[in-house]
Protein backbone atom coordinates (compact mmCIF):
# COMPACT_ATOMS: atom_id res chain seq x y z
CA UNK A 1 0.00 0.00 0.00
CA UNK A 2 1.30 3.41 -0.98
CA UNK A 3 0.18 6.06 1.48
CA UNK A 4 1.12 9.38 3.02
CA UNK A 5 1.61 8.89 6.79
CA UNK A 6 0.03 12.27 7.61
CA UNK A 7 -3.02 11.81 5.34
CA UNK A 8 -6.29 11.22 7.20
CA UNK A 9 -7.80 9.40 4.21
CA UNK A 10 -4.84 7.01 4.14
CA UNK A 11 -5.14 6.48 7.90
CA UNK A 12 -8.82 5.60 7.48
CA UNK A 13 -8.00 3.11 4.72
CA UNK A 14 -5.28 1.49 6.85
CA UNK A 15 -7.66 1.20 9.79
CA UNK A 16 -10.39 -0.32 7.60
CA UNK A 17 -8.02 -2.85 6.02
CA UNK A 18 -6.53 -3.89 9.36
CA UNK A 19 -10.07 -4.31 10.71
CA UNK A 20 -10.68 -6.70 7.79
CA UNK A 21 -7.61 -8.71 8.84
CA UNK A 22 -5.17 -7.59 6.17
CA UNK A 23 -1.45 -7.37 6.90
CA UNK A 24 -0.13 -4.30 5.13
CA UNK A 25 3.19 -3.53 3.49
CA UNK A 26 3.24 0.27 3.77
CA UNK A 27 5.25 2.55 1.48
CA UNK A 28 5.51 6.32 1.99
CA UNK A 29 4.40 7.71 -1.38
CA UNK A 30 6.12 11.06 -0.78
CA UNK A 31 9.49 9.58 0.22
CA UNK A 32 9.59 6.87 -2.46
CA UNK A 33 6.89 7.16 -5.15
CA UNK A 34 6.19 4.14 -7.36
CA UNK A 35 8.61 3.78 -10.27
CA UNK A 36 7.31 4.31 -13.79
CA UNK A 37 7.23 0.59 -14.62
CA UNK A 38 5.30 -0.19 -11.45
CA UNK A 39 2.84 2.62 -12.16
CA UNK A 40 2.24 1.24 -15.66
CA UNK A 41 1.34 -2.15 -14.15
CA UNK A 42 -0.86 -0.66 -11.42
CA UNK A 43 -2.71 1.61 -13.84
CA UNK A 44 -3.33 -1.31 -16.20
CA UNK A 45 -4.62 -3.45 -13.31
CA UNK A 46 -6.96 -0.69 -12.17
CA UNK A 47 -8.64 -0.29 -15.55
CA UNK A 48 -8.75 3.46 -14.93
CA UNK A 49 -7.41 6.14 -17.26
CA UNK A 50 -4.11 7.71 -16.18
CA UNK A 51 -5.86 11.02 -15.55
CA UNK A 52 -7.75 9.42 -12.62
CA UNK A 53 -4.41 8.72 -10.92
CA UNK A 54 -3.63 12.40 -10.42
CA UNK A 55 -4.31 13.98 -7.04
CA UNK A 56 -6.30 16.85 -8.55
CA UNK A 57 -7.02 18.38 -5.15
CA UNK A 58 -3.34 18.42 -4.20
CA UNK A 59 -1.25 21.53 -3.79
CA UNK A 60 1.53 20.33 -6.14
CA UNK A 61 -1.01 19.59 -8.90
CA UNK A 62 -2.43 23.10 -8.60
CA UNK A 63 0.99 24.79 -8.35
CA UNK A 64 2.13 23.07 -11.55
CA UNK A 65 -1.05 24.12 -13.39
CA UNK A 66 -1.63 20.55 -14.52
CA UNK A 67 -5.36 21.00 -15.05
CA UNK A 68 -4.57 22.88 -18.24
CA UNK A 69 -1.51 20.82 -19.25
CA UNK A 70 -2.54 17.15 -18.90
CA UNK A 71 -4.65 16.98 -22.04
CA UNK A 72 -1.63 17.91 -24.17
CA UNK A 73 0.66 15.34 -22.53
CA UNK A 74 1.32 11.80 -23.76
CA UNK A 75 0.68 8.83 -21.49
CA UNK A 76 4.45 8.36 -21.21
CA UNK A 77 4.88 11.97 -20.04
CA UNK A 78 2.08 11.55 -17.50
CA UNK A 79 3.65 8.36 -16.10
CA UNK A 80 7.05 10.04 -15.86
CA UNK A 81 5.49 12.99 -14.05
CA UNK A 82 3.59 10.79 -11.58
CA UNK A 83 6.67 8.71 -10.80
CA UNK A 84 8.74 11.85 -10.21
CA UNK A 85 6.57 13.20 -7.39
CA UNK A 86 4.39 11.02 -5.17
CA UNK A 87 2.36 14.04 -4.10
CA UNK A 88 0.86 14.12 -7.59
CA UNK A 89 -0.62 10.65 -7.16
CA UNK A 90 -4.08 10.03 -5.72
CA UNK A 91 -3.78 8.03 -2.52
CA UNK A 92 -3.85 5.56 -1.02
CA UNK A 93 -2.90 2.98 -3.63
CA UNK A 94 -3.87 -0.50 -2.43
CA UNK A 95 -2.85 -3.58 -4.40
CA UNK A 96 -2.49 -7.29 -3.75
CA UNK A 97 -0.73 -7.94 -7.05
CA UNK A 98 -3.88 -8.83 -8.97
CA UNK A 99 -6.20 -5.92 -8.22
CA UNK A 100 -5.71 -2.30 -7.25
CA UNK A 101 -7.73 0.64 -5.96
CA UNK A 102 -6.83 4.29 -5.57
CA UNK A 103 -8.39 6.60 -3.03
CA UNK A 104 -10.71 5.60 -0.23
CA UNK A 105 -14.32 5.96 -1.30
CA UNK A 106 -16.45 3.30 0.37
CA UNK A 107 -18.44 2.53 -2.80
CA UNK A 108 -15.22 1.72 -4.72
CA UNK A 109 -13.03 0.41 -1.91
CA UNK A 110 -15.44 -1.79 0.02
CA UNK A 111 -16.52 -4.17 -2.75
CA UNK A 112 -12.88 -4.90 -3.62
CA UNK A 113 -11.29 -5.20 -0.18
CA UNK A 114 -13.96 -5.94 2.42
CA UNK A 115 -14.37 -9.59 3.27
CA UNK A 116 -17.85 -10.91 3.93
C-alpha atoms as a PDB file:
ATOM      1  CA  UNK A   1       0.000   0.000   0.000  1.00  0.00           C
ATOM      2  CA  UNK A   2       1.300   3.409  -0.983  1.00  0.00           C
ATOM      3  CA  UNK A   3       0.181   6.055   1.484  1.00  0.00           C
ATOM      4  CA  UNK A   4       1.124   9.376   3.025  1.00  0.00           C
ATOM      5  CA  UNK A   5       1.611   8.889   6.788  1.00  0.00           C
ATOM      6  CA  UNK A   6       0.033  12.274   7.607  1.00  0.00           C
ATOM      7  CA  UNK A   7      -3.017  11.813   5.341  1.00  0.00           C
ATOM      8  CA  UNK A   8      -6.292  11.223   7.204  1.00  0.00           C
ATOM      9  CA  UNK A   9      -7.797   9.403   4.205  1.00  0.00           C
ATOM     10  CA  UNK A  10      -4.843   7.006   4.145  1.00  0.00           C
ATOM     11  CA  UNK A  11      -5.140   6.485   7.899  1.00  0.00           C
ATOM     12  CA  UNK A  12      -8.820   5.604   7.479  1.00  0.00           C
ATOM     13  CA  UNK A  13      -8.004   3.108   4.722  1.00  0.00           C
ATOM     14  CA  UNK A  14      -5.283   1.486   6.850  1.00  0.00           C
ATOM     15  CA  UNK A  15      -7.663   1.202   9.789  1.00  0.00           C
ATOM     16  CA  UNK A  16     -10.391  -0.324   7.595  1.00  0.00           C
ATOM     17  CA  UNK A  17      -8.021  -2.854   6.021  1.00  0.00           C
ATOM     18  CA  UNK A  18      -6.529  -3.886   9.358  1.00  0.00           C
ATOM     19  CA  UNK A  19     -10.071  -4.314  10.711  1.00  0.00           C
ATOM     20  CA  UNK A  20     -10.680  -6.700   7.787  1.00  0.00           C
ATOM     21  CA  UNK A  21      -7.614  -8.705   8.840  1.00  0.00           C
ATOM     22  CA  UNK A  22      -5.168  -7.593   6.170  1.00  0.00           C
ATOM     23  CA  UNK A  23      -1.449  -7.373   6.896  1.00  0.00           C
ATOM     24  CA  UNK A  24      -0.131  -4.296   5.130  1.00  0.00           C
ATOM     25  CA  UNK A  25       3.189  -3.533   3.491  1.00  0.00           C
ATOM     26  CA  UNK A  26       3.240   0.269   3.771  1.00  0.00           C
ATOM     27  CA  UNK A  27       5.247   2.554   1.482  1.00  0.00           C
ATOM     28  CA  UNK A  28       5.510   6.324   1.988  1.00  0.00           C
ATOM     29  CA  UNK A  29       4.400   7.714  -1.383  1.00  0.00           C
ATOM     30  CA  UNK A  30       6.123  11.055  -0.778  1.00  0.00           C
ATOM     31  CA  UNK A  31       9.493   9.582   0.225  1.00  0.00           C
ATOM     32  CA  UNK A  32       9.590   6.874  -2.457  1.00  0.00           C
ATOM     33  CA  UNK A  33       6.889   7.161  -5.145  1.00  0.00           C
ATOM     34  CA  UNK A  34       6.191   4.143  -7.356  1.00  0.00           C
ATOM     35  CA  UNK A  35       8.611   3.784 -10.269  1.00  0.00           C
ATOM     36  CA  UNK A  36       7.306   4.311 -13.793  1.00  0.00           C
ATOM     37  CA  UNK A  37       7.235   0.587 -14.620  1.00  0.00           C
ATOM     38  CA  UNK A  38       5.301  -0.189 -11.445  1.00  0.00           C
ATOM     39  CA  UNK A  39       2.841   2.618 -12.165  1.00  0.00           C
ATOM     40  CA  UNK A  40       2.241   1.243 -15.656  1.00  0.00           C
ATOM     41  CA  UNK A  41       1.342  -2.153 -14.145  1.00  0.00           C
ATOM     42  CA  UNK A  42      -0.857  -0.657 -11.422  1.00  0.00           C
ATOM     43  CA  UNK A  43      -2.713   1.605 -13.837  1.00  0.00           C
ATOM     44  CA  UNK A  44      -3.334  -1.311 -16.203  1.00  0.00           C
ATOM     45  CA  UNK A  45      -4.621  -3.454 -13.314  1.00  0.00           C
ATOM     46  CA  UNK A  46      -6.964  -0.688 -12.170  1.00  0.00           C
ATOM     47  CA  UNK A  47      -8.644  -0.286 -15.546  1.00  0.00           C
ATOM     48  CA  UNK A  48      -8.753   3.464 -14.928  1.00  0.00           C
ATOM     49  CA  UNK A  49      -7.408   6.138 -17.262  1.00  0.00           C
ATOM     50  CA  UNK A  50      -4.110   7.707 -16.184  1.00  0.00           C
ATOM     51  CA  UNK A  51      -5.862  11.020 -15.548  1.00  0.00           C
ATOM     52  CA  UNK A  52      -7.753   9.419 -12.624  1.00  0.00           C
ATOM     53  CA  UNK A  53      -4.411   8.720 -10.920  1.00  0.00           C
ATOM     54  CA  UNK A  54      -3.631  12.402 -10.420  1.00  0.00           C
ATOM     55  CA  UNK A  55      -4.311  13.982  -7.037  1.00  0.00           C
ATOM     56  CA  UNK A  56      -6.304  16.851  -8.548  1.00  0.00           C
ATOM     57  CA  UNK A  57      -7.017  18.382  -5.147  1.00  0.00           C
ATOM     58  CA  UNK A  58      -3.345  18.417  -4.202  1.00  0.00           C
ATOM     59  CA  UNK A  59      -1.245  21.530  -3.790  1.00  0.00           C
ATOM     60  CA  UNK A  60       1.525  20.327  -6.140  1.00  0.00           C
ATOM     61  CA  UNK A  61      -1.014  19.586  -8.904  1.00  0.00           C
ATOM     62  CA  UNK A  62      -2.429  23.101  -8.605  1.00  0.00           C
ATOM     63  CA  UNK A  63       0.990  24.788  -8.348  1.00  0.00           C
ATOM     64  CA  UNK A  64       2.126  23.068 -11.549  1.00  0.00           C
ATOM     65  CA  UNK A  65      -1.049  24.123 -13.387  1.00  0.00           C
ATOM     66  CA  UNK A  66      -1.629  20.545 -14.521  1.00  0.00           C
ATOM     67  CA  UNK A  67      -5.364  20.999 -15.046  1.00  0.00           C
ATOM     68  CA  UNK A  68      -4.567  22.876 -18.244  1.00  0.00           C
ATOM     69  CA  UNK A  69      -1.513  20.816 -19.252  1.00  0.00           C
ATOM     70  CA  UNK A  70      -2.538  17.152 -18.898  1.00  0.00           C
ATOM     71  CA  UNK A  71      -4.654  16.984 -22.037  1.00  0.00           C
ATOM     72  CA  UNK A  72      -1.628  17.906 -24.175  1.00  0.00           C
ATOM     73  CA  UNK A  73       0.661  15.336 -22.525  1.00  0.00           C
ATOM     74  CA  UNK A  74       1.320  11.803 -23.764  1.00  0.00           C
ATOM     75  CA  UNK A  75       0.682   8.828 -21.485  1.00  0.00           C
ATOM     76  CA  UNK A  76       4.446   8.360 -21.210  1.00  0.00           C
ATOM     77  CA  UNK A  77       4.879  11.965 -20.043  1.00  0.00           C
ATOM     78  CA  UNK A  78       2.082  11.550 -17.495  1.00  0.00           C
ATOM     79  CA  UNK A  79       3.648   8.359 -16.099  1.00  0.00           C
ATOM     80  CA  UNK A  80       7.051  10.041 -15.864  1.00  0.00           C
ATOM     81  CA  UNK A  81       5.491  12.990 -14.046  1.00  0.00           C
ATOM     82  CA  UNK A  82       3.588  10.787 -11.583  1.00  0.00           C
ATOM     83  CA  UNK A  83       6.667   8.707 -10.802  1.00  0.00           C
ATOM     84  CA  UNK A  84       8.737  11.846 -10.215  1.00  0.00           C
ATOM     85  CA  UNK A  85       6.569  13.199  -7.391  1.00  0.00           C
ATOM     86  CA  UNK A  86       4.389  11.022  -5.165  1.00  0.00           C
ATOM     87  CA  UNK A  87       2.363  14.044  -4.098  1.00  0.00           C
ATOM     88  CA  UNK A  88       0.857  14.123  -7.591  1.00  0.00           C
ATOM     89  CA  UNK A  89      -0.622  10.646  -7.156  1.00  0.00           C
ATOM     90  CA  UNK A  90      -4.077  10.028  -5.718  1.00  0.00           C
ATOM     91  CA  UNK A  91      -3.777   8.033  -2.519  1.00  0.00           C
ATOM     92  CA  UNK A  92      -3.849   5.556  -1.018  1.00  0.00           C
ATOM     93  CA  UNK A  93      -2.901   2.976  -3.634  1.00  0.00           C
ATOM     94  CA  UNK A  94      -3.865  -0.497  -2.435  1.00  0.00           C
ATOM     95  CA  UNK A  95      -2.853  -3.584  -4.398  1.00  0.00           C
ATOM     96  CA  UNK A  96      -2.494  -7.293  -3.748  1.00  0.00           C
ATOM     97  CA  UNK A  97      -0.727  -7.942  -7.048  1.00  0.00           C
ATOM     98  CA  UNK A  98      -3.880  -8.833  -8.971  1.00  0.00           C
ATOM     99  CA  UNK A  99      -6.197  -5.918  -8.220  1.00  0.00           C
ATOM    100  CA  UNK A 100      -5.708  -2.300  -7.254  1.00  0.00           C
ATOM    101  CA  UNK A 101      -7.727   0.637  -5.959  1.00  0.00           C
ATOM    102  CA  UNK A 102      -6.830   4.294  -5.568  1.00  0.00           C
ATOM    103  CA  UNK A 103      -8.389   6.598  -3.028  1.00  0.00           C
ATOM    104  CA  UNK A 104     -10.706   5.600  -0.230  1.00  0.00           C
ATOM    105  CA  UNK A 105     -14.320   5.962  -1.303  1.00  0.00           C
ATOM    106  CA  UNK A 106     -16.448   3.303   0.366  1.00  0.00           C
ATOM    107  CA  UNK A 107     -18.438   2.530  -2.800  1.00  0.00           C
ATOM    108  CA  UNK A 108     -15.221   1.721  -4.717  1.00  0.00           C
ATOM    109  CA  UNK A 109     -13.029   0.408  -1.914  1.00  0.00           C
ATOM    110  CA  UNK A 110     -15.435  -1.790   0.024  1.00  0.00           C
ATOM    111  CA  UNK A 111     -16.522  -4.175  -2.749  1.00  0.00           C
ATOM    112  CA  UNK A 112     -12.883  -4.899  -3.616  1.00  0.00           C
ATOM    113  CA  UNK A 113     -11.294  -5.198  -0.175  1.00  0.00           C
ATOM    114  CA  UNK A 114     -13.956  -5.945   2.423  1.00  0.00           C
ATOM    115  CA  UNK A 115     -14.373  -9.587   3.267  1.00  0.00           C
ATOM    116  CA  UNK A 116     -17.849 -10.908   3.929  1.00  0.00           C
END
